[in-house]
Amino acid sequence: MYRWAGKVALVTGASVGIGAQITTELAKNGMKVVAVARRLEKLKELAANINGKFKGEVHPLQCDVQKEKDILEVFKWTEEKFGGVDVLINNAGVVSAESIIEGSTETYRKILDVNVLAMAIGSRELVQSVKKRKASGHIININSIAGHFAESIRMPVSVYCASKYAVTGMTLSLRNEIVAAKLDIKITSISPGMVKTAMVTDVFNQMGMDTTFEGIPVLEDTDIAEAVIYTLSVPKRVQICEMVVMPHEALATKDPRPYGTNPQ
């Protein structure tokens, strides 16, 4: 991570869970982290727990990634403050326990706006920032195993799987475009299995399912943060294109398959 010390990272969905852990690890490794989410108070709490304790620093900004205006304002602020963004962690995501066949159009739109369009907008702005400065950059998309094996998700999650398949395809298309443009930008998709986060717990609650995760192989948010650090830490000549991170099923004490976490 030494080459990223003092560089600028933008993390979306940074207020809790995976985003908060990624923000913490990047700051530990000396990066200036622009942490964005809708809940500014949560971001300020996170920054207060980090700033002054590690080599890096956290700058909280309120941003609703469903609004292009908010995303553009974050990039503008970062350019004025630091010169631009070097690393983008597209982490913000939403899911719903609604089915597609009984669900609302509003839910479809929200999932696609957050999980797909916001990621495309942010990636575009990162590329333009790096290109303008003739710098190096890295985009990391927090994807999901649902973006590879939708058949393994046995619970209703609206168009969540479709949105993650879009992330998989977009990552590949962006890499082709970046190579064609001869830009020094890496792009990585990290696809976790089930992670114990508030988002997953909320879905389980909506479905009346056990939220203790007892006996179920599940990842922690710190596992994904460590995957991000590893991805950024490899030699400059190396690009991690896709990383699939799954819980170790041998440690489970009961069959996890009813929860639909495993590719079959």
C-alpha atoms as a PDB file:
ATOM      1  CA  MET A   1       0.000   0.000   0.000  1.00  0.00           C
ATOM      2  CA  TYR A   2       3.005   2.329   0.191  1.00  0.00           C
ATOM      3  CA  ARG A   3       2.347   3.806  -3.258  1.00  0.00           C
ATOM      4  CA  TRP A   4      -1.163   4.849  -2.207  1.00  0.00           C
ATOM      5  CA  ALA A   5      -0.050   6.641   0.992  1.00  0.00           C
ATOM      6  CA  GLY A   6      -1.187  10.247   0.793  1.00  0.00           C
ATOM      7  CA  LYS A   7      -3.411   9.507  -2.211  1.00  0.00           C
ATOM      8  CA  VAL A   8      -7.169  10.081  -2.257  1.00  0.00           C
ATOM      9  CA  ALA A   9      -9.828   7.382  -2.038  1.00  0.00           C
ATOM     10  CA  LEU A  10     -13.583   7.884  -2.397  1.00  0.00           C
ATOM     11  CA  VAL A  11     -15.786   5.307  -0.668  1.00  0.00           C
ATOM     12  CA  THR A  12     -19.539   5.246  -1.278  1.00  0.00           C
ATOM     13  CA  GLY A  13     -21.923   3.781   1.281  1.00  0.00           C
ATOM     14  CA  ALA A  14     -19.261   4.466   3.903  1.00  0.00           C
ATOM     15  CA  SER A  15     -21.398   5.086   6.980  1.00  0.00           C
ATOM     16  CA  VAL A  16     -21.774   1.475   8.170  1.00  0.00           C
ATOM     17  CA  GLY A  17     -20.818  -2.122   7.459  1.00  0.00           C
ATOM     18  CA  ILE A  18     -18.449  -2.927   4.625  1.00  0.00           C
ATOM     19  CA  GLY A  19     -18.034   0.728   3.631  1.00  0.00           C
ATOM     20  CA  ALA A  20     -17.080   1.807   7.147  1.00  0.00           C
ATOM     21  CA  GLN A  21     -14.546  -1.016   7.438  1.00  0.00           C
ATOM     22  CA  ILE A  22     -13.021  -0.189   4.049  1.00  0.00           C
ATOM     23  CA  THR A  23     -12.770   3.467   5.054  1.00  0.00           C
ATOM     24  CA  THR A  24     -10.996   2.512   8.279  1.00  0.00           C
ATOM     25  CA  GLU A  25      -8.495   0.217   6.559  1.00  0.00           C
ATOM     26  CA  LEU A  26      -7.660   2.780   3.868  1.00  0.00           C
ATOM     27  CA  ALA A  27      -7.033   5.423   6.536  1.00  0.00           C
ATOM     28  CA  LYS A  28      -4.852   2.992   8.471  1.00  0.00           C
ATOM     29  CA  ASN A  29      -2.770   2.663   5.337  1.00  0.00           C
ATOM     30  CA  GLY A  30      -2.248   6.390   5.021  1.00  0.00           C
ATOM     31  CA  MET A  31      -4.858   7.390   2.464  1.00  0.00           C
ATOM     32  CA  LYS A  32      -7.019  10.493   2.483  1.00  0.00           C
ATOM     33  CA  VAL A  33     -10.525   9.017   2.413  1.00  0.00           C
ATOM     34  CA  VAL A  34     -13.580  10.920   1.232  1.00  0.00           C
ATOM     35  CA  ALA A  35     -16.358   8.927   2.893  1.00  0.00           C
ATOM     36  CA  VAL A  36     -19.844   9.486   1.490  1.00  0.00           C
ATOM     37  CA  ALA A  37     -23.337   8.303   2.405  1.00  0.00           C
ATOM     38  CA  ARG A  38     -26.751   9.768   3.134  1.00  0.00           C
ATOM     39  CA  ARG A  39     -26.328   9.711   6.932  1.00  0.00           C
ATOM     40  CA  LEU A  40     -23.845  12.473   7.648  1.00  0.00           C
ATOM     41  CA  GLU A  41     -23.926  11.977  11.421  1.00  0.00           C
ATOM     42  CA  LYS A  42     -22.803   8.368  11.039  1.00  0.00           C
ATOM     43  CA  LEU A  43     -19.973   9.507   8.798  1.00  0.00           C
ATOM     44  CA  LYS A  44     -18.889  12.131  11.305  1.00  0.00           C
ATOM     45  CA  GLU A  45     -18.833   9.506  14.056  1.00  0.00           C
ATOM     46  CA  LEU A  46     -16.679   7.280  11.864  1.00  0.00           C
ATOM     47  CA  ALA A  47     -14.292  10.132  11.093  1.00  0.00           C
ATOM     48  CA  ALA A  48     -14.017  11.037  14.780  1.00  0.00           C
ATOM     49  CA  ASN A  49     -13.026   7.454  15.600  1.00  0.00           C
ATOM     50  CA  ILE A  50     -10.317   7.439  12.918  1.00  0.00           C
ATOM     51  CA  ASN A  51      -8.805  10.891  12.541  1.00  0.00           C
ATOM     52  CA  GLY A  52      -5.716  11.429  14.653  1.00  0.00           C
ATOM     53  CA  LYS A  53      -5.281   7.708  15.329  1.00  0.00           C
ATOM     54  CA  PHE A  54      -3.906   6.547  11.986  1.00  0.00           C
ATOM     55  CA  LYS A  55      -1.627   7.818   9.237  1.00  0.00           C
ATOM     56  CA  GLY A  56      -4.527   8.689   6.982  1.00  0.00           C
ATOM     57  CA  GLU A  57      -7.616  10.822   7.468  1.00  0.00           C
ATOM     58  CA  VAL A  58     -11.338  10.709   6.746  1.00  0.00           C
ATOM     59  CA  HIS A  59     -13.398  13.517   5.242  1.00  0.00           C
ATOM     60  CA  PRO A  60     -17.150  12.881   5.588  1.00  0.00           C
ATOM     61  CA  LEU A  61     -19.513  14.225   2.928  1.00  0.00           C
ATOM     62  CA  GLN A  62     -23.245  13.718   2.606  1.00  0.00           C
ATOM     63  CA  CYS A  63     -24.221  12.167  -0.715  1.00  0.00           C
ATOM     64  CA  ASP A  64     -27.280  10.342  -2.007  1.00  0.00           C
ATOM     65  CA  VAL A  65     -25.893   8.262  -4.868  1.00  0.00           C
ATOM     66  CA  GLN A  66     -29.358   8.078  -6.421  1.00  0.00           C
ATOM     67  CA  LYS A  67     -28.782  11.739  -7.358  1.00  0.00           C
ATOM     68  CA  GLU A  68     -26.190  12.419 -10.050  1.00  0.00           C
ATOM     69  CA  LYS A  69     -25.904  15.996  -8.788  1.00  0.00           C
ATOM     70  CA  ASP A  70     -24.689  14.763  -5.395  1.00  0.00           C
ATOM     71  CA  ILE A  71     -22.067  12.490  -6.959  1.00  0.00           C
ATOM     72  CA  LEU A  72     -20.748  15.258  -9.201  1.00  0.00           C
ATOM     73  CA  GLU A  73     -20.550  17.659  -6.265  1.00  0.00           C
ATOM     74  CA  VAL A  74     -18.454  15.153  -4.303  1.00  0.00           C
ATOM     75  CA  PHE A  75     -15.985  14.828  -7.175  1.00  0.00           C
ATOM     76  CA  LYS A  76     -15.875  18.614  -7.588  1.00  0.00           C
ATOM     77  CA  TRP A  77     -15.205  19.116  -3.858  1.00  0.00           C
ATOM     78  CA  THR A  78     -12.482  16.486  -3.910  1.00  0.00           C
ATOM     79  CA  GLU A  79     -10.811  18.054  -6.937  1.00  0.00           C
ATOM     80  CA  GLU A  80     -10.823  21.480  -5.304  1.00  0.00           C
ATOM     81  CA  LYS A  81      -9.577  20.115  -1.978  1.00  0.00           C
ATOM     82  CA  PHE A  82      -7.056  17.460  -3.067  1.00  0.00           C
ATOM     83  CA  GLY A  83      -6.702  17.682  -6.836  1.00  0.00           C
ATOM     84  CA  GLY A  84      -8.800  14.626  -7.646  1.00  0.00           C
ATOM     85  CA  VAL A  85      -9.704  11.033  -6.778  1.00  0.00           C
ATOM     86  CA  ASP A  86      -7.154   8.239  -7.200  1.00  0.00           C
ATOM     87  CA  VAL A  87      -9.084   5.234  -5.885  1.00  0.00           C
ATOM     88  CA  LEU A  88     -12.851   4.735  -6.125  1.00  0.00           C
ATOM     89  CA  ILE A  89     -14.592   2.105  -4.011  1.00  0.00           C
ATOM     90  CA  ASN A  90     -18.083   1.634  -5.448  1.00  0.00           C
ATOM     91  CA  ASN A  91     -19.584   0.083  -2.331  1.00  0.00           C
ATOM     92  CA  ALA A  92     -23.063   1.615  -1.951  1.00  0.00           C
ATOM     93  CA  GLY A  93     -25.778  -0.944  -2.549  1.00  0.00           C
ATOM     94  CA  VAL A  94     -29.367  -1.769  -1.691  1.00  0.00           C
ATOM     95  CA  VAL A  95     -31.518  -4.877  -1.742  1.00  0.00           C
ATOM     96  CA  SER A  96     -35.184  -5.595  -1.093  1.00  0.00           C
ATOM     97  CA  ALA A  97     -37.084  -8.633   0.107  1.00  0.00           C
ATOM     98  CA  GLU A  98     -39.785  -7.947  -2.483  1.00  0.00           C
ATOM     99  CA  SER A  99     -40.310 -10.436  -5.266  1.00  0.00           C
ATOM    100  CA  ILE A 100     -40.129  -9.314  -8.874  1.00  0.00           C
ATOM    101  CA  ILE A 101     -43.562 -10.685  -9.717  1.00  0.00           C
ATOM    102  CA  GLU A 102     -45.263  -8.842  -6.844  1.00  0.00           C
ATOM    103  CA  GLY A 103     -42.822  -5.954  -6.389  1.00  0.00           C
ATOM    104  CA  SER A 104     -43.082  -2.240  -7.057  1.00  0.00           C
ATOM    105  CA  THR A 105     -41.541  -0.303  -9.918  1.00  0.00           C
ATOM    106  CA  GLU A 106     -40.208   2.153  -7.333  1.00  0.00           C
ATOM    107  CA  THR A 107     -38.141  -0.645  -5.788  1.00  0.00           C
ATOM    108  CA  TYR A 108     -36.830  -1.735  -9.199  1.00  0.00           C
ATOM    109  CA  ARG A 109     -35.696   1.825  -9.909  1.00  0.00           C
ATOM    110  CA  LYS A 110     -34.061   2.355  -6.526  1.00  0.00           C
ATOM    111  CA  ILE A 111     -31.984  -0.818  -6.807  1.00  0.00           C
ATOM    112  CA  LEU A 112     -30.858  -0.037 -10.341  1.00  0.00           C
ATOM    113  CA  ASP A 113     -30.135   3.616  -9.522  1.00  0.00           C
ATOM    114  CA  VAL A 114     -27.946   2.752  -6.526  1.00  0.00           C
ATOM    115  CA  ASN A 115     -26.363  -0.513  -7.613  1.00  0.00           C
ATOM    116  CA  VAL A 116     -25.769   0.246 -11.288  1.00  0.00           C
ATOM    117  CA  LEU A 117     -26.199   3.860 -12.430  1.00  0.00           C
ATOM    118  CA  ALA A 118     -24.377   5.398  -9.452  1.00  0.00           C
ATOM    119  CA  MET A 119     -21.484   3.024 -10.053  1.00  0.00           C
ATOM    120  CA  ALA A 120     -21.337   3.991 -13.741  1.00  0.00           C
ATOM    121  CA  ILE A 121     -21.404   7.712 -12.936  1.00  0.00           C
ATOM    122  CA  GLY A 122     -18.719   7.394 -10.274  1.00  0.00           C
ATOM    123  CA  SER A 123     -16.505   5.277 -12.533  1.00  0.00           C
ATOM    124  CA  ARG A 124     -16.828   7.809 -15.348  1.00  0.00           C
ATOM    125  CA  GLU A 125     -15.833  10.659 -13.045  1.00  0.00           C
ATOM    126  CA  LEU A 126     -12.875   8.712 -11.608  1.00  0.00           C
ATOM    127  CA  VAL A 127     -11.572   7.982 -15.104  1.00  0.00           C
ATOM    128  CA  GLN A 128     -11.898  11.629 -16.124  1.00  0.00           C
ATOM    129  CA  SER A 129     -10.116  12.764 -12.940  1.00  0.00           C
ATOM    130  CA  VAL A 130      -7.192  10.382 -13.477  1.00  0.00           C
ATOM    131  CA  LYS A 131      -6.999  11.145 -17.205  1.00  0.00           C
ATOM    132  CA  LYS A 132      -6.942  14.882 -16.572  1.00  0.00           C
ATOM    133  CA  ARG A 133      -3.980  14.560 -14.189  1.00  0.00           C
ATOM    134  CA  LYS A 134      -2.189  11.838 -16.197  1.00  0.00           C
ATOM    135  CA  ALA A 135      -2.121   9.868 -12.959  1.00  0.00           C
ATOM    136  CA  SER A 136      -2.686   6.268 -11.864  1.00  0.00           C
ATOM    137  CA  GLY A 137      -6.014   5.051 -10.528  1.00  0.00           C
ATOM    138  CA  HIS A 138      -7.999   2.047  -9.359  1.00  0.00           C
ATOM    139  CA  ILE A 139     -11.736   1.339  -9.374  1.00  0.00           C
ATOM    140  CA  ILE A 140     -13.012  -1.394  -7.050  1.00  0.00           C
ATOM    141  CA  ASN A 141     -16.622  -2.480  -7.482  1.00  0.00           C
ATOM    142  CA  ILE A 142     -18.172  -4.296  -4.547  1.00  0.00           C
ATOM    143  CA  ASN A 143     -20.182  -6.841  -6.474  1.00  0.00           C
ATOM    144  CA  SER A 144     -21.815 -10.037  -5.161  1.00  0.00           C
ATOM    145  CA  ILE A 145     -21.921 -13.757  -5.794  1.00  0.00           C
ATOM    146  CA  ALA A 146     -25.476 -12.893  -6.886  1.00  0.00           C
ATOM    147  CA  GLY A 147     -23.899 -11.271  -9.935  1.00  0.00           C
ATOM    148  CA  HIS A 148     -22.559 -14.644 -11.071  1.00  0.00           C
ATOM    149  CA  PHE A 149     -24.953 -17.308  -9.757  1.00  0.00           C
ATOM    150  CA  ALA A 150     -28.476 -15.878  -9.516  1.00  0.00           C
ATOM    151  CA  GLU A 151     -29.841 -19.421  -9.411  1.00  0.00           C
ATOM    152  CA  SER A 152     -28.240 -19.871  -5.994  1.00  0.00           C
ATOM    153  CA  ILE A 153     -30.262 -17.046  -4.412  1.00  0.00           C
ATOM    154  CA  ARG A 154     -33.416 -18.799  -3.260  1.00  0.00           C
ATOM    155  CA  MET A 155     -35.090 -15.889  -1.508  1.00  0.00           C
ATOM    156  CA  PRO A 156     -36.880 -12.958  -3.177  1.00  0.00           C
ATOM    157  CA  VAL A 157     -34.507 -10.010  -3.637  1.00  0.00           C
ATOM    158  CA  SER A 158     -36.315  -8.043  -6.375  1.00  0.00           C
ATOM    159  CA  VAL A 159     -33.907  -7.046  -9.182  1.00  0.00           C
ATOM    160  CA  TYR A 160     -30.834  -7.239  -6.929  1.00  0.00           C
ATOM    161  CA  CYS A 161     -29.337 -10.187  -8.845  1.00  0.00           C
ATOM    162  CA  ALA A 162     -29.964  -8.423 -12.146  1.00  0.00           C
ATOM    163  CA  SER A 163     -28.224  -5.317 -10.822  1.00  0.00           C
ATOM    164  CA  LYS A 164     -25.168  -7.329  -9.786  1.00  0.00           C
ATOM    165  CA  TYR A 165     -24.992  -9.072 -13.160  1.00  0.00           C
ATOM    166  CA  ALA A 166     -24.937  -5.549 -14.593  1.00  0.00           C
ATOM    167  CA  VAL A 167     -21.975  -4.735 -12.329  1.00  0.00           C
ATOM    168  CA  THR A 168     -20.142  -7.803 -13.629  1.00  0.00           C
ATOM    169  CA  GLY A 169     -20.750  -6.773 -17.233  1.00  0.00           C
ATOM    170  CA  MET A 170     -19.965  -3.116 -16.620  1.00  0.00           C
ATOM    171  CA  THR A 171     -16.647  -3.956 -14.973  1.00  0.00           C
ATOM    172  CA  LEU A 172     -15.612  -5.965 -18.026  1.00  0.00           C
ATOM    173  CA  SER A 173     -16.718  -3.240 -20.443  1.00  0.00           C
ATOM    174  CA  LEU A 174     -14.932  -0.541 -18.463  1.00  0.00           C
ATOM    175  CA  ARG A 175     -11.713  -2.567 -18.472  1.00  0.00           C
ATOM    176  CA  ASN A 176     -11.890  -2.851 -22.268  1.00  0.00           C
ATOM    177  CA  GLU A 177     -12.451   0.900 -22.587  1.00  0.00           C
ATOM    178  CA  ILE A 178      -9.616   1.734 -20.180  1.00  0.00           C
ATOM    179  CA  VAL A 179      -7.200  -0.519 -22.079  1.00  0.00           C
ATOM    180  CA  ALA A 180      -8.249   0.984 -25.408  1.00  0.00           C
ATOM    181  CA  ALA A 181      -7.690   4.483 -24.021  1.00  0.00           C
ATOM    182  CA  LYS A 182      -4.256   3.418 -22.685  1.00  0.00           C
ATOM    183  CA  LEU A 183      -4.989   4.729 -19.199  1.00  0.00           C
ATOM    184  CA  ASP A 184      -3.118   3.634 -16.079  1.00  0.00           C
ATOM    185  CA  ILE A 185      -6.269   2.547 -14.258  1.00  0.00           C
ATOM    186  CA  LYS A 186      -7.004  -0.888 -12.832  1.00  0.00           C
ATOM    187  CA  ILE A 187     -10.540  -2.108 -12.242  1.00  0.00           C
ATOM    188  CA  THR A 188     -11.535  -4.924  -9.922  1.00  0.00           C
ATOM    189  CA  SER A 189     -14.805  -6.633  -9.069  1.00  0.00           C
ATOM    190  CA  ILE A 190     -14.983  -8.160  -5.584  1.00  0.00           C
ATOM    191  CA  SER A 191     -17.874 -10.614  -5.257  1.00  0.00           C
ATOM    192  CA  PRO A 192     -18.620 -11.745  -1.694  1.00  0.00           C
ATOM    193  CA  GLY A 193     -20.965 -14.443  -0.571  1.00  0.00           C
ATOM    194  CA  MET A 194     -23.272 -13.583   2.308  1.00  0.00           C
ATOM    195  CA  VAL A 195     -21.796 -10.935   4.607  1.00  0.00           C
ATOM    196  CA  LYS A 196     -23.180 -10.233   8.061  1.00  0.00           C
ATOM    197  CA  THR A 197     -24.292  -6.629   7.602  1.00  0.00           C
ATOM    198  CA  ALA A 198     -27.295  -4.514   8.520  1.00  0.00           C
ATOM    199  CA  MET A 199     -28.534  -4.762   4.926  1.00  0.00           C
ATOM    200  CA  VAL A 200     -28.670  -8.558   5.054  1.00  0.00           C
ATOM    201  CA  THR A 201     -30.156  -8.533   8.555  1.00  0.00           C
ATOM    202  CA  ASP A 202     -32.921  -6.180   7.399  1.00  0.00           C
ATOM    203  CA  VAL A 203     -33.862  -8.545   4.566  1.00  0.00           C
ATOM    204  CA  PHE A 204     -33.885 -11.513   6.936  1.00  0.00           C
ATOM    205  CA  ASN A 205     -36.107  -9.558   9.341  1.00  0.00           C
ATOM    206  CA  GLN A 206     -38.528  -8.699   6.543  1.00  0.00           C
ATOM    207  CA  MET A 207     -38.822 -12.397   5.737  1.00  0.00           C
ATOM    208  CA  GLY A 208     -39.120 -13.528   9.366  1.00  0.00           C
ATOM    209  CA  MET A 209     -35.832 -15.442   9.158  1.00  0.00           C
ATOM    210  CA  ASP A 210     -33.292 -16.102  11.893  1.00  0.00           C
ATOM    211  CA  THR A 211     -30.886 -13.153  12.115  1.00  0.00           C
ATOM    212  CA  THR A 212     -28.416 -14.720  14.533  1.00  0.00           C
ATOM    213  CA  PHE A 213     -26.657 -16.530  11.647  1.00  0.00           C
ATOM    214  CA  GLU A 214     -25.947 -19.318  14.127  1.00  0.00           C
ATOM    215  CA  GLY A 215     -24.446 -22.294  12.340  1.00  0.00           C
ATOM    216  CA  ILE A 216     -24.510 -20.497   8.972  1.00  0.00           C
ATOM    217  CA  PRO A 217     -21.219 -19.816   7.171  1.00  0.00           C
ATOM    218  CA  VAL A 218     -21.091 -16.056   6.784  1.00  0.00           C
ATOM    219  CA  LEU A 219     -18.451 -13.440   6.098  1.00  0.00           C
ATOM    220  CA  GLU A 220     -17.670 -10.402   8.250  1.00  0.00           C
ATOM    221  CA  ASP A 221     -17.429  -6.887   6.831  1.00  0.00           C
ATOM    222  CA  THR A 222     -13.746  -6.854   7.809  1.00  0.00           C
ATOM    223  CA  ASP A 223     -13.127  -9.744   5.380  1.00  0.00           C
ATOM    224  CA  ILE A 224     -14.189  -7.593   2.449  1.00  0.00           C
ATOM    225  CA  ALA A 225     -12.155  -4.621   3.667  1.00  0.00           C
ATOM    226  CA  GLU A 226      -9.085  -6.859   3.795  1.00  0.00           C
ATOM    227  CA  ALA A 227      -9.814  -8.032   0.247  1.00  0.00           C
ATOM    228  CA  VAL A 228      -9.833  -4.398  -0.883  1.00  0.00           C
ATOM    229  CA  ILE A 229      -6.472  -3.754   0.760  1.00  0.00           C
ATOM    230  CA  TYR A 230      -4.992  -6.857  -0.845  1.00  0.00           C
ATOM    231  CA  THR A 231      -6.280  -5.788  -4.260  1.00  0.00           C
ATOM    232  CA  LEU A 232      -4.636  -2.388  -3.888  1.00  0.00           C
ATOM    233  CA  SER A 233      -1.426  -3.868  -2.492  1.00  0.00           C
ATOM    234  CA  VAL A 234      -0.392  -6.131  -5.353  1.00  0.00           C
ATOM    235  CA  PRO A 235       2.544  -5.035  -7.528  1.00  0.00           C
ATOM    236  CA  LYS A 236       1.817  -2.403 -10.154  1.00  0.00           C
ATOM    237  CA  ARG A 237       2.237  -5.025 -12.883  1.00  0.00           C
ATOM    238  CA  VAL A 238      -0.598  -7.128 -11.395  1.00  0.00           C
ATOM    239  CA  GLN A 239      -4.323  -6.512 -11.845  1.00  0.00           C
ATOM    240  CA  ILE A 240      -6.883  -8.473  -9.834  1.00  0.00           C
ATOM    241  CA  CYS A 241      -9.793  -8.606 -12.274  1.00  0.00           C
ATOM    242  CA  GLU A 242     -12.305 -10.622 -10.254  1.00  0.00           C
ATOM    243  CA  MET A 243     -12.141 -11.797  -6.656  1.00  0.00           C
ATOM    244  CA  VAL A 244     -14.808 -14.156  -5.310  1.00  0.00           C
ATOM    245  CA  VAL A 245     -14.854 -14.302  -1.500  1.00  0.00           C
ATOM    246  CA  MET A 246     -16.972 -17.041   0.067  1.00  0.00           C
ATOM    247  CA  PRO A 247     -17.435 -18.204   3.666  1.00  0.00           C
ATOM    248  CA  HIS A 248     -15.789 -21.503   4.535  1.00  0.00           C
ATOM    249  CA  GLU A 249     -18.723 -23.936   4.479  1.00  0.00           C
ATOM    250  CA  ALA A 250     -16.825 -26.666   6.311  1.00  0.00           C
ATOM    251  CA  LEU A 251     -17.291 -24.596   9.480  1.00  0.00           C
ATOM    252  CA  ALA A 252     -21.088 -24.600   9.186  1.00  0.00           C
ATOM    253  CA  THR A 253     -23.127 -26.640  11.647  1.00  0.00           C
ATOM    254  CA  LYS A 254     -26.236 -26.745   9.501  1.00  0.00           C
ATOM    255  CA  ASP A 255     -27.097 -26.713   5.834  1.00  0.00           C
ATOM    256  CA  PRO A 256     -26.787 -23.129   4.522  1.00  0.00           C
ATOM    257  CA  ARG A 257     -28.534 -23.812   1.249  1.00  0.00           C
ATOM    258  CA  PRO A 258     -32.035 -22.674   2.283  1.00  0.00           C
ATOM    259  CA  TYR A 259     -30.523 -19.192   2.602  1.00  0.00           C
ATOM    260  CA  GLY A 260     -29.348 -19.331  -0.986  1.00  0.00           C
ATOM    261  CA  THR A 261     -25.741 -18.324  -0.358  1.00  0.00           C
ATOM    262  CA  ASN A 262     -23.948 -20.956  -2.392  1.00  0.00           C
ATOM    263  CA  PRO A 263     -23.379 -21.227  -6.151  1.00  0.00           C
ATOM    264  CA  GLN A 264     -24.729 -24.607  -7.202  1.00  0.00           C
END
